[in-house]
Amino acid sequence: MWLSDNLGIGLISVGLILLVIEIAVLGFSTFVLFFVGGAAVITGLLMQMGVVEDTNLNATLYVSLFTALLAVFLWKPLKNMQKDVDPKKASNDLIGLTFIVAADISAEKTGMHRYSGINWRVVSQDPIASGTKVEVIAVDVGQFTIKPCK
């Protein structure tokens, strides 16, 4: 079988695939695939260099060992890296969008506006009469915060 004859290359390939999934698809939100993928790449490289005999038992043992070592040594630095998040909200193309509200809006009464096939909840701290032209000043999930246009 190809995989048993080329275990080192197989481990490197699987490790790289796991790293790509962790970084590109999951956005580096969990570290499990990162640790296992890194361990598989390290083990595969050691097998290719002849440092580790390429057997299934050794592959399992070394991937497990390197996964644990990577987790122990990289967990805290990676968690600290995740804490460095910019507190300011990201700019959004919807901010500055103008439209005319169909119903009265106030702090107690929200409205709806259909935009791009989505029904957005419309909120404002100030009372706004229906028929008023408004501008979007903030966007949250499914919600526009608006103010009257000047």
Protein backbone atom coordinates (compact mmCIF):
# COMPACT_ATOMS: atom_id res chain seq x y z
CA MET A 1 0.00 0.00 0.00
CA TRP A 2 1.30 3.47 -0.90
CA LEU A 3 0.70 5.04 2.52
CA SER A 4 2.62 2.37 4.43
CA ASP A 5 5.50 2.58 1.93
CA ASN A 6 5.61 6.41 2.15
CA LEU A 7 4.53 7.05 5.73
CA GLY A 8 6.75 10.10 6.18
CA ILE A 9 5.38 11.85 3.08
CA GLY A 10 1.84 10.86 4.08
CA LEU A 11 2.26 12.36 7.54
CA ILE A 12 3.70 15.57 6.10
CA SER A 13 0.76 15.82 3.67
CA VAL A 14 -1.86 15.16 6.33
CA GLY A 15 -0.13 17.60 8.68
CA LEU A 16 -0.09 20.36 6.07
CA ILE A 17 -3.76 19.75 5.28
CA LEU A 18 -4.63 20.02 8.99
CA LEU A 19 -2.63 23.23 9.30
CA VAL A 20 -4.39 24.75 6.28
CA ILE A 21 -7.81 23.80 7.69
CA GLU A 22 -6.93 25.29 11.07
CA ILE A 23 -5.59 28.55 9.71
CA ALA A 24 -7.64 29.17 6.56
CA VAL A 25 -10.99 27.60 7.40
CA LEU A 26 -11.22 27.87 11.18
CA GLY A 27 -9.31 31.14 11.41
CA PHE A 28 -6.92 29.83 14.06
CA SER A 29 -9.80 29.72 16.57
CA THR A 30 -8.96 26.28 17.95
CA PHE A 31 -5.44 25.04 18.36
CA VAL A 32 -6.09 21.28 18.27
CA LEU A 33 -5.64 20.85 14.53
CA PHE A 34 -2.61 23.16 14.66
CA PHE A 35 -0.92 20.98 17.28
CA VAL A 36 -1.77 17.68 15.57
CA GLY A 37 -0.85 19.04 12.12
CA GLY A 38 2.45 20.41 13.38
CA ALA A 39 3.22 17.13 15.12
CA ALA A 40 2.43 15.16 11.96
CA VAL A 41 4.74 17.39 9.89
CA ILE A 42 7.57 17.07 12.44
CA THR A 43 7.15 13.30 12.65
CA GLY A 44 7.01 12.98 8.86
CA LEU A 45 10.18 15.04 8.48
CA LEU A 46 11.98 12.92 11.08
CA MET A 47 10.89 9.76 9.24
CA GLN A 48 12.08 11.17 5.91
CA MET A 49 15.47 12.03 7.41
CA GLY A 50 15.77 8.53 8.86
CA VAL A 51 15.83 9.65 12.49
CA VAL A 52 12.63 7.73 13.26
CA GLU A 53 11.84 4.31 11.80
CA ASP A 54 8.74 4.55 9.61
CA THR A 55 6.28 2.21 11.26
CA ASN A 56 2.65 2.82 12.17
CA LEU A 57 3.46 2.38 15.86
CA ASN A 58 6.24 4.99 15.71
CA ALA A 59 3.99 7.35 13.73
CA THR A 60 1.28 7.14 16.37
CA LEU A 61 3.73 7.44 19.25
CA TYR A 62 5.67 10.41 17.86
CA VAL A 63 2.61 12.31 16.62
CA SER A 64 1.09 11.92 20.09
CA LEU A 65 4.30 12.98 21.80
CA PHE A 66 4.88 16.01 19.58
CA THR A 67 1.21 17.02 19.86
CA ALA A 68 1.54 17.07 23.65
CA LEU A 69 4.84 18.96 23.52
CA LEU A 70 3.50 21.57 21.09
CA ALA A 71 0.41 22.00 23.25
CA VAL A 72 2.45 22.46 26.43
CA PHE A 73 4.91 24.94 24.95
CA LEU A 74 2.66 26.88 22.55
CA TRP A 75 -0.68 27.04 24.36
CA LYS A 76 0.02 30.14 26.43
CA PRO A 77 1.73 32.18 23.67
CA LEU A 78 -1.05 31.34 21.22
CA LYS A 79 -3.77 32.23 23.75
CA ASN A 80 -2.02 35.54 24.43
CA MET A 81 -1.86 36.19 20.70
CA GLN A 82 -5.64 35.78 20.50
CA LYS A 83 -6.14 38.40 23.22
CA ASP A 84 -4.54 41.11 21.07
CA VAL A 85 -7.78 42.15 19.39
CA ASP A 86 -8.36 45.68 18.18
CA PRO A 87 -11.26 47.04 20.29
CA LYS A 88 -12.52 49.45 17.63
CA LYS A 89 -15.25 48.21 15.34
CA ALA A 90 -14.34 47.32 11.80
CA SER A 91 -15.40 49.69 9.07
CA ASN A 92 -18.40 48.54 7.11
CA ASP A 93 -19.64 49.42 3.62
CA LEU A 94 -23.19 49.68 4.97
CA ILE A 95 -22.29 52.60 7.22
CA GLY A 96 -23.41 55.74 5.42
CA LEU A 97 -26.25 53.97 3.59
CA THR A 98 -29.27 56.27 3.32
CA PHE A 99 -32.95 55.34 2.99
CA ILE A 100 -36.39 56.57 3.99
CA VAL A 101 -37.95 54.92 7.04
CA ALA A 102 -41.42 53.46 6.53
CA ALA A 103 -42.54 53.68 10.16
CA ASP A 104 -41.93 55.80 13.24
CA ILE A 105 -38.73 54.80 15.08
CA SER A 106 -37.76 55.59 18.68
CA ALA A 107 -35.67 54.12 21.48
CA GLU A 108 -38.67 52.00 22.49
CA LYS A 109 -39.98 51.21 19.01
CA THR A 110 -37.83 49.57 16.37
CA GLY A 111 -38.60 49.27 12.70
CA MET A 112 -37.66 47.09 9.74
CA HIS A 113 -35.90 47.88 6.47
CA ARG A 114 -35.38 45.40 3.65
CA TYR A 115 -31.95 45.77 2.07
CA SER A 116 -30.16 43.31 -0.20
CA GLY A 117 -32.74 40.61 0.46
CA ILE A 118 -32.42 40.86 4.25
CA ASN A 119 -34.91 42.34 6.70
CA TRP A 120 -32.80 44.55 8.96
CA ARG A 121 -34.02 45.70 12.34
CA VAL A 122 -33.75 49.50 12.50
CA VAL A 123 -33.01 51.21 15.83
CA SER A 124 -32.40 54.77 16.96
CA GLN A 125 -31.97 56.50 20.29
CA ASP A 126 -33.80 59.58 18.95
CA PRO A 127 -37.40 59.60 17.72
CA ILE A 128 -37.64 59.59 13.91
CA ALA A 129 -40.92 60.08 12.04
CA SER A 130 -41.91 57.85 9.14
CA GLY A 131 -40.93 59.24 5.75
CA THR A 132 -37.68 60.73 7.13
CA LYS A 133 -34.47 60.20 5.20
CA VAL A 134 -31.97 58.49 7.53
CA GLU A 135 -28.36 57.38 7.46
CA VAL A 136 -26.90 54.17 8.90
CA ILE A 137 -24.29 55.03 11.57
CA ALA A 138 -23.61 51.53 12.94
CA VAL A 139 -24.20 47.96 11.82
CA ASP A 140 -24.60 44.95 14.07
CA VAL A 141 -25.80 41.47 13.23
CA GLY A 142 -29.15 42.00 11.51
CA GLN A 143 -29.46 45.55 12.84
CA PHE A 144 -28.96 49.09 11.51
CA THR A 145 -28.52 51.96 13.94
CA ILE A 146 -29.70 55.11 12.20
CA LYS A 147 -29.87 58.89 12.55
CA PRO A 148 -31.77 61.46 10.51
CA CYS A 149 -29.90 62.92 7.53
CA LYS A 150 -29.06 66.60 7.76
